Amino acid sequence: MSLIRPANYTLKWSDEFTTSGSPGIAWTYDEGAPLLGGSVWGNSERQLYTRDSANVFVSNGELTIQPIAGVPENSPTRNPTLLATSARIKTDTSSYYSALNGTPYGFYEIRAKVPCVGGAWPAVWMMGQNGEWPARGEIDIMEWFGRYFANDINQVQSGVHTANNFGANSRYQKANVSGMCSSYHNFQMHWSAQEILIGVDGVPTFSYKKPVGAGQADWPFDQPAHLILNVAVGGNLGGDVNPPDIPSMTLKVDYVKVWQAP
């Protein structure tokens, strides 16, 4: 398998962000207190996710996720204290799963410009449709960690999490990408029944092959899954936040496309 999209694959789902305003019905939102500290998704992050038009919007043919310093007065109280609002959107909709015929296999491409700022944690990733984490399966197509990459910005990380491979046992790989932060890049994944291959601009950077005789705990990657786009602020992987840097934590997405075999 390669990161050259097979010629016989057909485009099954896409968003090229041609309509200005909110992301629209193709996307749903993760937001609010259930995702904050103390939950499995907390990671000591310091943003409040919202659906506010200032945090997530479409304009000039692209999607923007924009962290903003400060939080609403009625925000949940937590430790560490919140510093910013941001957004986390996903394709967890019946129309998305239907467009992909109830299978996740295919070729995915997300063209985006990533913010490389200390304190930021932008990500393009996927989660299995059903079940609890990590048994449902997580695929990280692109992550950039302010805590670890701020002094060597041309890095990216990709990986997977399963019931047998999470935390210290997660399967992941880091790679260097020229101009990671100054240009748009095509973050790609070719997903089959036997392998998940991820890369940037046609260059493979991570592969996870289905182990021989694997069960659900090692390969939960046969069920449908949805895409997630977000920018976290601070936390275990975002790192220390300099509040004046928050306006620079902007994720721009030109398009999201999924092709599948006929």
C-alpha atoms as a PDB file:
ATOM      1  CA  MET A   1       0.000   0.000   0.000  1.00  0.00           C
ATOM      2  CA  SER A   2       1.196   3.548  -0.729  1.00  0.00           C
ATOM      3  CA  LEU A   3       0.206   7.189  -0.365  1.00  0.00           C
ATOM      4  CA  ILE A   4      -0.460   7.427  -4.080  1.00  0.00           C
ATOM      5  CA  ARG A   5      -4.245   7.485  -4.311  1.00  0.00           C
ATOM      6  CA  PRO A   6      -5.431   4.599  -6.520  1.00  0.00           C
ATOM      7  CA  ALA A   7      -6.818   5.831  -9.828  1.00  0.00           C
ATOM      8  CA  ASN A   8     -10.016   3.816  -9.443  1.00  0.00           C
ATOM      9  CA  TYR A   9     -10.955   5.356  -6.083  1.00  0.00           C
ATOM     10  CA  THR A  10     -13.925   7.732  -6.211  1.00  0.00           C
ATOM     11  CA  LEU A  11     -14.601  10.793  -4.068  1.00  0.00           C
ATOM     12  CA  LYS A  12     -17.269   9.838  -1.522  1.00  0.00           C
ATOM     13  CA  TRP A  13     -17.247  12.757   0.933  1.00  0.00           C
ATOM     14  CA  SER A  14     -15.670  16.201   0.918  1.00  0.00           C
ATOM     15  CA  ASP A  15     -15.892  19.677   2.330  1.00  0.00           C
ATOM     16  CA  GLU A  16     -14.085  22.417   0.435  1.00  0.00           C
ATOM     17  CA  PHE A  17     -15.514  25.153   2.665  1.00  0.00           C
ATOM     18  CA  THR A  18     -17.042  27.209  -0.119  1.00  0.00           C
ATOM     19  CA  THR A  19     -19.908  28.639   1.959  1.00  0.00           C
ATOM     20  CA  SER A  20     -18.925  31.331   4.427  1.00  0.00           C
ATOM     21  CA  GLY A  21     -20.233  31.268   7.963  1.00  0.00           C
ATOM     22  CA  SER A  22     -20.459  28.315  10.325  1.00  0.00           C
ATOM     23  CA  PRO A  23     -18.985  24.947   9.264  1.00  0.00           C
ATOM     24  CA  GLY A  24     -22.538  23.776   8.479  1.00  0.00           C
ATOM     25  CA  ILE A  25     -24.419  20.517   8.927  1.00  0.00           C
ATOM     26  CA  ALA A  26     -21.494  18.380   7.776  1.00  0.00           C
ATOM     27  CA  TRP A  27     -19.914  18.966  11.197  1.00  0.00           C
ATOM     28  CA  THR A  28     -20.897  18.641  14.844  1.00  0.00           C
ATOM     29  CA  TYR A  29     -19.194  20.104  17.903  1.00  0.00           C
ATOM     30  CA  ASP A  30     -17.446  18.887  21.025  1.00  0.00           C
ATOM     31  CA  GLU A  31     -17.760  21.601  23.636  1.00  0.00           C
ATOM     32  CA  GLY A  32     -18.065  22.521  27.258  1.00  0.00           C
ATOM     33  CA  ALA A  33     -17.539  20.979  30.651  1.00  0.00           C
ATOM     34  CA  PRO A  34     -17.711  17.253  29.759  1.00  0.00           C
ATOM     35  CA  LEU A  35     -14.385  17.610  27.977  1.00  0.00           C
ATOM     36  CA  LEU A  36     -12.582  19.491  30.724  1.00  0.00           C
ATOM     37  CA  GLY A  37     -10.221  18.454  33.500  1.00  0.00           C
ATOM     38  CA  GLY A  38     -10.920  15.198  35.281  1.00  0.00           C
ATOM     39  CA  SER A  39     -12.307  13.572  32.155  1.00  0.00           C
ATOM     40  CA  VAL A  40     -10.398  11.229  29.890  1.00  0.00           C
ATOM     41  CA  TRP A  41     -10.094  14.061  27.365  1.00  0.00           C
ATOM     42  CA  GLY A  42      -8.863  16.630  29.858  1.00  0.00           C
ATOM     43  CA  ASN A  43      -5.077  16.300  29.414  1.00  0.00           C
ATOM     44  CA  SER A  44      -4.840  19.362  31.699  1.00  0.00           C
ATOM     45  CA  GLU A  45      -5.745  21.504  28.691  1.00  0.00           C
ATOM     46  CA  ARG A  46      -6.641  25.125  29.320  1.00  0.00           C
ATOM     47  CA  GLN A  47      -9.223  25.877  26.628  1.00  0.00           C
ATOM     48  CA  LEU A  48     -13.000  25.877  26.676  1.00  0.00           C
ATOM     49  CA  TYR A  49     -14.364  24.441  23.437  1.00  0.00           C
ATOM     50  CA  THR A  50     -17.254  26.393  21.936  1.00  0.00           C
ATOM     51  CA  ARG A  51     -19.252  26.637  18.714  1.00  0.00           C
ATOM     52  CA  ASP A  52     -18.888  30.408  18.682  1.00  0.00           C
ATOM     53  CA  SER A  53     -18.326  32.019  15.300  1.00  0.00           C
ATOM     54  CA  ALA A  54     -15.208  33.715  16.642  1.00  0.00           C
ATOM     55  CA  ASN A  55     -13.629  30.314  17.378  1.00  0.00           C
ATOM     56  CA  VAL A  56     -14.670  28.390  14.256  1.00  0.00           C
ATOM     57  CA  PHE A  57     -15.778  29.804  10.926  1.00  0.00           C
ATOM     58  CA  VAL A  58     -15.557  29.483   7.152  1.00  0.00           C
ATOM     59  CA  SER A  59     -14.304  32.411   5.087  1.00  0.00           C
ATOM     60  CA  ASN A  60     -12.471  32.857   1.774  1.00  0.00           C
ATOM     61  CA  GLY A  61     -12.778  29.172   0.941  1.00  0.00           C
ATOM     62  CA  GLU A  62     -11.213  27.792   4.111  1.00  0.00           C
ATOM     63  CA  LEU A  63     -12.090  26.724   7.626  1.00  0.00           C
ATOM     64  CA  THR A  64     -10.486  28.532  10.547  1.00  0.00           C
ATOM     65  CA  ILE A  65     -10.214  27.299  14.124  1.00  0.00           C
ATOM     66  CA  GLN A  66      -9.103  30.250  16.219  1.00  0.00           C
ATOM     67  CA  PRO A  67      -8.233  30.098  19.929  1.00  0.00           C
ATOM     68  CA  ILE A  68      -9.050  33.352  21.708  1.00  0.00           C
ATOM     69  CA  ALA A  69      -7.574  34.485  25.021  1.00  0.00           C
ATOM     70  CA  GLY A  70     -10.042  34.763  27.890  1.00  0.00           C
ATOM     71  CA  VAL A  71     -13.159  32.769  28.727  1.00  0.00           C
ATOM     72  CA  PRO A  72     -16.835  33.586  29.365  1.00  0.00           C
ATOM     73  CA  GLU A  73     -17.812  34.578  32.907  1.00  0.00           C
ATOM     74  CA  ASN A  74     -20.011  31.492  33.343  1.00  0.00           C
ATOM     75  CA  SER A  75     -17.284  29.024  32.315  1.00  0.00           C
ATOM     76  CA  PRO A  76     -16.716  25.959  34.514  1.00  0.00           C
ATOM     77  CA  THR A  77     -14.224  26.359  37.341  1.00  0.00           C
ATOM     78  CA  ARG A  78     -11.305  23.989  37.137  1.00  0.00           C
ATOM     79  CA  ASN A  79      -7.635  23.604  37.961  1.00  0.00           C
ATOM     80  CA  PRO A  80      -5.537  24.539  36.070  1.00  0.00           C
ATOM     81  CA  THR A  81      -7.556  27.599  35.218  1.00  0.00           C
ATOM     82  CA  LEU A  82      -8.879  28.144  31.720  1.00  0.00           C
ATOM     83  CA  LEU A  83      -7.013  30.593  29.518  1.00  0.00           C
ATOM     84  CA  ALA A  84      -8.845  30.571  26.200  1.00  0.00           C
ATOM     85  CA  THR A  85     -11.755  29.468  24.069  1.00  0.00           C
ATOM     86  CA  SER A  86     -11.235  27.288  21.010  1.00  0.00           C
ATOM     87  CA  ALA A  87     -13.147  24.768  18.888  1.00  0.00           C
ATOM     88  CA  ARG A  88     -13.244  21.048  18.208  1.00  0.00           C
ATOM     89  CA  ILE A  89     -15.441  19.877  15.332  1.00  0.00           C
ATOM     90  CA  LYS A  90     -16.131  16.413  13.963  1.00  0.00           C
ATOM     91  CA  THR A  91     -17.903  14.546  11.152  1.00  0.00           C
ATOM     92  CA  ASP A  92     -19.846  12.393  13.604  1.00  0.00           C
ATOM     93  CA  THR A  93     -23.059  12.486  11.559  1.00  0.00           C
ATOM     94  CA  SER A  94     -25.266   9.852   9.959  1.00  0.00           C
ATOM     95  CA  SER A  95     -24.791  11.486   6.553  1.00  0.00           C
ATOM     96  CA  TYR A  96     -21.009  11.125   6.826  1.00  0.00           C
ATOM     97  CA  TYR A  97     -21.153   7.439   7.751  1.00  0.00           C
ATOM     98  CA  SER A  98     -23.712   6.841   5.010  1.00  0.00           C
ATOM     99  CA  ALA A  99     -21.564   8.565   2.388  1.00  0.00           C
ATOM    100  CA  LEU A 100     -18.743   6.153   3.245  1.00  0.00           C
ATOM    101  CA  ASN A 101     -21.097   3.150   3.047  1.00  0.00           C
ATOM    102  CA  GLY A 102     -20.522   2.253   6.687  1.00  0.00           C
ATOM    103  CA  THR A 103     -16.838   1.401   6.182  1.00  0.00           C
ATOM    104  CA  PRO A 104     -13.769   3.471   7.074  1.00  0.00           C
ATOM    105  CA  TYR A 105     -11.498   2.101   4.365  1.00  0.00           C
ATOM    106  CA  GLY A 106     -10.275   4.611   1.837  1.00  0.00           C
ATOM    107  CA  PHE A 107      -7.910   7.459   1.101  1.00  0.00           C
ATOM    108  CA  TYR A 108      -8.161  10.578   3.275  1.00  0.00           C
ATOM    109  CA  GLU A 109      -6.612  13.964   2.563  1.00  0.00           C
ATOM    110  CA  ILE A 110      -6.786  17.084   4.708  1.00  0.00           C
ATOM    111  CA  ARG A 111      -5.037  20.150   3.340  1.00  0.00           C
ATOM    112  CA  ALA A 112      -4.178  22.466   6.193  1.00  0.00           C
ATOM    113  CA  LYS A 113      -1.802  25.056   7.579  1.00  0.00           C
ATOM    114  CA  VAL A 114      -0.739  24.215  11.108  1.00  0.00           C
ATOM    115  CA  PRO A 115       0.055  26.728  13.855  1.00  0.00           C
ATOM    116  CA  CYS A 116       3.479  26.005  15.334  1.00  0.00           C
ATOM    117  CA  VAL A 117       3.348  28.021  18.542  1.00  0.00           C
ATOM    118  CA  GLY A 118       4.475  27.041  22.009  1.00  0.00           C
ATOM    119  CA  GLY A 119       1.389  26.227  24.055  1.00  0.00           C
ATOM    120  CA  ALA A 120      -0.644  25.074  21.039  1.00  0.00           C
ATOM    121  CA  TRP A 121      -1.741  21.511  20.278  1.00  0.00           C
ATOM    122  CA  PRO A 122      -3.435  21.397  16.854  1.00  0.00           C
ATOM    123  CA  ALA A 123      -4.645  18.021  15.613  1.00  0.00           C
ATOM    124  CA  VAL A 124      -6.338  16.197  12.746  1.00  0.00           C
ATOM    125  CA  TRP A 125      -7.506  12.826  13.997  1.00  0.00           C
ATOM    126  CA  MET A 126     -10.214  10.161  14.009  1.00  0.00           C
ATOM    127  CA  MET A 127     -12.257   8.182  16.490  1.00  0.00           C
ATOM    128  CA  GLY A 128     -14.249   4.989  16.070  1.00  0.00           C
ATOM    129  CA  GLN A 129     -17.990   5.529  15.841  1.00  0.00           C
ATOM    130  CA  ASN A 130     -18.954   3.361  18.817  1.00  0.00           C
ATOM    131  CA  GLY A 131     -17.518   2.329  22.173  1.00  0.00           C
ATOM    132  CA  GLU A 132     -15.285   3.832  24.823  1.00  0.00           C
ATOM    133  CA  TRP A 133     -11.735   5.103  24.434  1.00  0.00           C
ATOM    134  CA  PRO A 134      -9.271   3.545  23.794  1.00  0.00           C
ATOM    135  CA  ALA A 135     -11.110   0.351  22.812  1.00  0.00           C
ATOM    136  CA  ARG A 136     -13.040   2.174  20.066  1.00  0.00           C
ATOM    137  CA  GLY A 137      -9.762   3.060  18.334  1.00  0.00           C
ATOM    138  CA  GLU A 138      -8.128   6.437  17.757  1.00  0.00           C
ATOM    139  CA  ILE A 139      -6.057   7.467  14.733  1.00  0.00           C
ATOM    140  CA  ASP A 140      -3.914  10.598  14.899  1.00  0.00           C
ATOM    141  CA  ILE A 141      -3.293  11.748  11.345  1.00  0.00           C
ATOM    142  CA  MET A 142      -1.502  14.919  12.414  1.00  0.00           C
ATOM    143  CA  GLU A 143      -0.515  16.279  15.812  1.00  0.00           C
ATOM    144  CA  TRP A 144       1.831  19.136  16.606  1.00  0.00           C
ATOM    145  CA  PHE A 145       2.889  19.448  20.246  1.00  0.00           C
ATOM    146  CA  GLY A 146       3.862  22.865  21.539  1.00  0.00           C
ATOM    147  CA  ARG A 147       5.430  21.283  24.594  1.00  0.00           C
ATOM    148  CA  TYR A 148       7.917  19.226  22.587  1.00  0.00           C
ATOM    149  CA  PHE A 149       8.191  20.803  19.133  1.00  0.00           C
ATOM    150  CA  ALA A 150       8.376  24.547  19.823  1.00  0.00           C
ATOM    151  CA  ASN A 151      12.176  24.593  19.536  1.00  0.00           C
ATOM    152  CA  ASP A 152      12.227  22.349  16.449  1.00  0.00           C
ATOM    153  CA  ILE A 153       9.061  23.316  14.674  1.00  0.00           C
ATOM    154  CA  ASN A 154       9.294  21.226  11.494  1.00  0.00           C
ATOM    155  CA  GLN A 155       7.968  18.110  13.175  1.00  0.00           C
ATOM    156  CA  VAL A 156       4.733  16.167  13.057  1.00  0.00           C
ATOM    157  CA  GLN A 157       3.499  13.089  14.886  1.00  0.00           C
ATOM    158  CA  SER A 158       1.052  10.399  13.790  1.00  0.00           C
ATOM    159  CA  GLY A 159      -0.121   7.268  15.562  1.00  0.00           C
ATOM    160  CA  VAL A 160      -2.888   4.993  16.786  1.00  0.00           C
ATOM    161  CA  HIS A 161      -4.393   4.096  20.150  1.00  0.00           C
ATOM    162  CA  THR A 162      -6.137   0.818  20.937  1.00  0.00           C
ATOM    163  CA  ALA A 163      -7.029  -1.134  24.070  1.00  0.00           C
ATOM    164  CA  ASN A 164      -3.593  -2.778  23.957  1.00  0.00           C
ATOM    165  CA  ASN A 165      -1.743   0.270  22.642  1.00  0.00           C
ATOM    166  CA  PHE A 166      -2.358   3.485  24.543  1.00  0.00           C
ATOM    167  CA  GLY A 167      -0.540   5.721  26.978  1.00  0.00           C
ATOM    168  CA  ALA A 168       3.075   4.587  27.276  1.00  0.00           C
ATOM    169  CA  ASN A 169       2.323   1.753  24.845  1.00  0.00           C
ATOM    170  CA  SER A 170       0.866   3.928  22.101  1.00  0.00           C
ATOM    171  CA  ARG A 171       2.053   3.285  18.555  1.00  0.00           C
ATOM    172  CA  TYR A 172       3.330   6.506  17.012  1.00  0.00           C
ATOM    173  CA  GLN A 173       6.062   8.014  14.879  1.00  0.00           C
ATOM    174  CA  LYS A 174       7.520  11.503  14.585  1.00  0.00           C
ATOM    175  CA  ALA A 175       8.770  12.925  11.299  1.00  0.00           C
ATOM    176  CA  ASN A 176      10.393  16.084   9.992  1.00  0.00           C
ATOM    177  CA  VAL A 177       8.439  18.080   7.413  1.00  0.00           C
ATOM    178  CA  SER A 178      10.116  20.954   5.599  1.00  0.00           C
ATOM    179  CA  GLY A 179       8.108  24.158   5.978  1.00  0.00           C
ATOM    180  CA  MET A 180       5.719  22.467   8.387  1.00  0.00           C
ATOM    181  CA  CYS A 181       4.560  25.766   9.820  1.00  0.00           C
ATOM    182  CA  SER A 182       4.950  28.191   6.936  1.00  0.00           C
ATOM    183  CA  SER A 183       2.973  26.366   4.226  1.00  0.00           C
ATOM    184  CA  TYR A 184      -0.163  24.361   3.603  1.00  0.00           C
ATOM    185  CA  HIS A 185       0.437  20.608   3.557  1.00  0.00           C
ATOM    186  CA  ASN A 186      -1.583  17.592   2.508  1.00  0.00           C
ATOM    187  CA  PHE A 187      -2.010  15.296   5.502  1.00  0.00           C
ATOM    188  CA  GLN A 188      -2.940  11.913   4.092  1.00  0.00           C
ATOM    189  CA  MET A 189      -4.030   8.463   5.187  1.00  0.00           C
ATOM    190  CA  HIS A 190      -4.594   5.260   3.232  1.00  0.00           C
ATOM    191  CA  TRP A 191      -6.712   2.904   5.350  1.00  0.00           C
ATOM    192  CA  SER A 192      -7.379  -0.707   4.418  1.00  0.00           C
ATOM    193  CA  ALA A 193      -8.497  -3.849   6.225  1.00  0.00           C
ATOM    194  CA  GLN A 194      -4.838  -4.709   6.845  1.00  0.00           C
ATOM    195  CA  GLU A 195      -2.966  -1.416   7.273  1.00  0.00           C
ATOM    196  CA  ILE A 196      -3.219   2.252   8.232  1.00  0.00           C
ATOM    197  CA  LEU A 197      -0.613   4.292   6.343  1.00  0.00           C
ATOM    198  CA  ILE A 198      -0.204   7.993   7.158  1.00  0.00           C
ATOM    199  CA  GLY A 199       2.008  10.657   5.627  1.00  0.00           C
ATOM    200  CA  VAL A 200       2.475  14.227   4.445  1.00  0.00           C
ATOM    201  CA  ASP A 201       2.534  15.421   0.824  1.00  0.00           C
ATOM    202  CA  GLY A 202       2.816  11.879  -0.491  1.00  0.00           C
ATOM    203  CA  VAL A 203       5.651  10.854   1.836  1.00  0.00           C
ATOM    204  CA  PRO A 204       4.769   8.067   4.317  1.00  0.00           C
ATOM    205  CA  THR A 205       5.597   8.840   7.946  1.00  0.00           C
ATOM    206  CA  PHE A 206       3.726   6.154   9.931  1.00  0.00           C
ATOM    207  CA  SER A 207       2.318   2.684   9.349  1.00  0.00           C
ATOM    208  CA  TYR A 208       0.298   0.383  11.578  1.00  0.00           C
ATOM    209  CA  LYS A 209      -0.367  -3.061  10.131  1.00  0.00           C
ATOM    210  CA  LYS A 210      -2.984  -5.419  11.490  1.00  0.00           C
ATOM    211  CA  PRO A 211      -1.158  -7.990  13.633  1.00  0.00           C
ATOM    212  CA  VAL A 212      -1.589 -11.621  12.678  1.00  0.00           C
ATOM    213  CA  GLY A 213      -4.603 -13.011  14.503  1.00  0.00           C
ATOM    214  CA  ALA A 214      -5.419  -9.592  15.942  1.00  0.00           C
ATOM    215  CA  GLY A 215      -8.600  -9.109  17.923  1.00  0.00           C
ATOM    216  CA  GLN A 216     -10.482  -5.960  18.830  1.00  0.00           C
ATOM    217  CA  ALA A 217      -7.885  -4.954  21.425  1.00  0.00           C
ATOM    218  CA  ASP A 218      -5.184  -4.585  18.752  1.00  0.00           C
ATOM    219  CA  TRP A 219      -7.281  -3.770  15.682  1.00  0.00           C
ATOM    220  CA  PRO A 220     -10.535  -1.883  16.350  1.00  0.00           C
ATOM    221  CA  PHE A 221     -10.191  -0.306  12.929  1.00  0.00           C
ATOM    222  CA  ASP A 222     -12.915  -2.113  10.984  1.00  0.00           C
ATOM    223  CA  GLN A 223     -15.839  -0.025  12.229  1.00  0.00           C
ATOM    224  CA  PRO A 224     -16.795   3.409  10.833  1.00  0.00           C
ATOM    225  CA  ALA A 225     -14.911   6.376  12.281  1.00  0.00           C
ATOM    226  CA  HIS A 226     -15.251  10.150  12.153  1.00  0.00           C
ATOM    227  CA  LEU A 227     -12.767  12.945  11.573  1.00  0.00           C
ATOM    228  CA  ILE A 228     -11.949  15.537  14.238  1.00  0.00           C
ATOM    229  CA  LEU A 229     -10.281  18.945  13.831  1.00  0.00           C
ATOM    230  CA  ASN A 230      -9.246  20.996  16.851  1.00  0.00           C
ATOM    231  CA  VAL A 231      -6.710  23.258  18.522  1.00  0.00           C
ATOM    232  CA  ALA A 232      -6.095  22.600  22.203  1.00  0.00           C
ATOM    233  CA  VAL A 233      -4.366  25.220  24.341  1.00  0.00           C
ATOM    234  CA  GLY A 234      -1.788  24.226  26.936  1.00  0.00           C
ATOM    235  CA  GLY A 235      -1.937  20.997  28.858  1.00  0.00           C
ATOM    236  CA  ASN A 236       0.230  17.913  28.844  1.00  0.00           C
ATOM    237  CA  LEU A 237       1.141  18.229  25.168  1.00  0.00           C
ATOM    238  CA  GLY A 238       0.473  21.879  24.412  1.00  0.00           C
ATOM    239  CA  GLY A 239       2.838  22.947  27.158  1.00  0.00           C
ATOM    240  CA  ASP A 240       3.251  26.298  28.838  1.00  0.00           C
ATOM    241  CA  VAL A 241       1.123  29.077  27.351  1.00  0.00           C
ATOM    242  CA  ASN A 242       2.220  32.655  26.808  1.00  0.00           C
ATOM    243  CA  PRO A 243      -1.172  34.416  26.522  1.00  0.00           C
ATOM    244  CA  PRO A 244       0.020  36.922  23.882  1.00  0.00           C
ATOM    245  CA  ASP A 245       0.774  33.914  21.635  1.00  0.00           C
ATOM    246  CA  ILE A 246      -2.824  32.645  21.664  1.00  0.00           C
ATOM    247  CA  PRO A 247      -3.944  34.721  18.634  1.00  0.00           C
ATOM    248  CA  SER A 248      -1.235  32.960  16.587  1.00  0.00           C
ATOM    249  CA  MET A 249      -2.635  29.474  17.331  1.00  0.00           C
ATOM    250  CA  THR A 250      -4.718  29.507  14.130  1.00  0.00           C
ATOM    251  CA  LEU A 251      -5.492  26.285  12.247  1.00  0.00           C
ATOM    252  CA  LYS A 252      -6.480  26.810   8.595  1.00  0.00           C
ATOM    253  CA  VAL A 253      -8.072  23.986   6.584  1.00  0.00           C
ATOM    254  CA  ASP A 254      -8.445  24.249   2.820  1.00  0.00           C
ATOM    255  CA  TYR A 255     -10.386  21.014   2.343  1.00  0.00           C
ATOM    256  CA  VAL A 256     -11.172  17.577   3.720  1.00  0.00           C
ATOM    257  CA  LYS A 257     -11.711  14.724   1.222  1.00  0.00           C
ATOM    258  CA  VAL A 258     -12.319  10.987   1.418  1.00  0.00           C
ATOM    259  CA  TRP A 259     -12.093   8.605  -1.543  1.00  0.00           C
ATOM    260  CA  GLN A 260     -12.983   4.928  -1.532  1.00  0.00           C
ATOM    261  CA  ALA A 261     -12.592   1.931  -3.778  1.00  0.00           C
ATOM    262  CA  PRO A 262     -15.550   1.350  -6.124  1.00  0.00           C
END
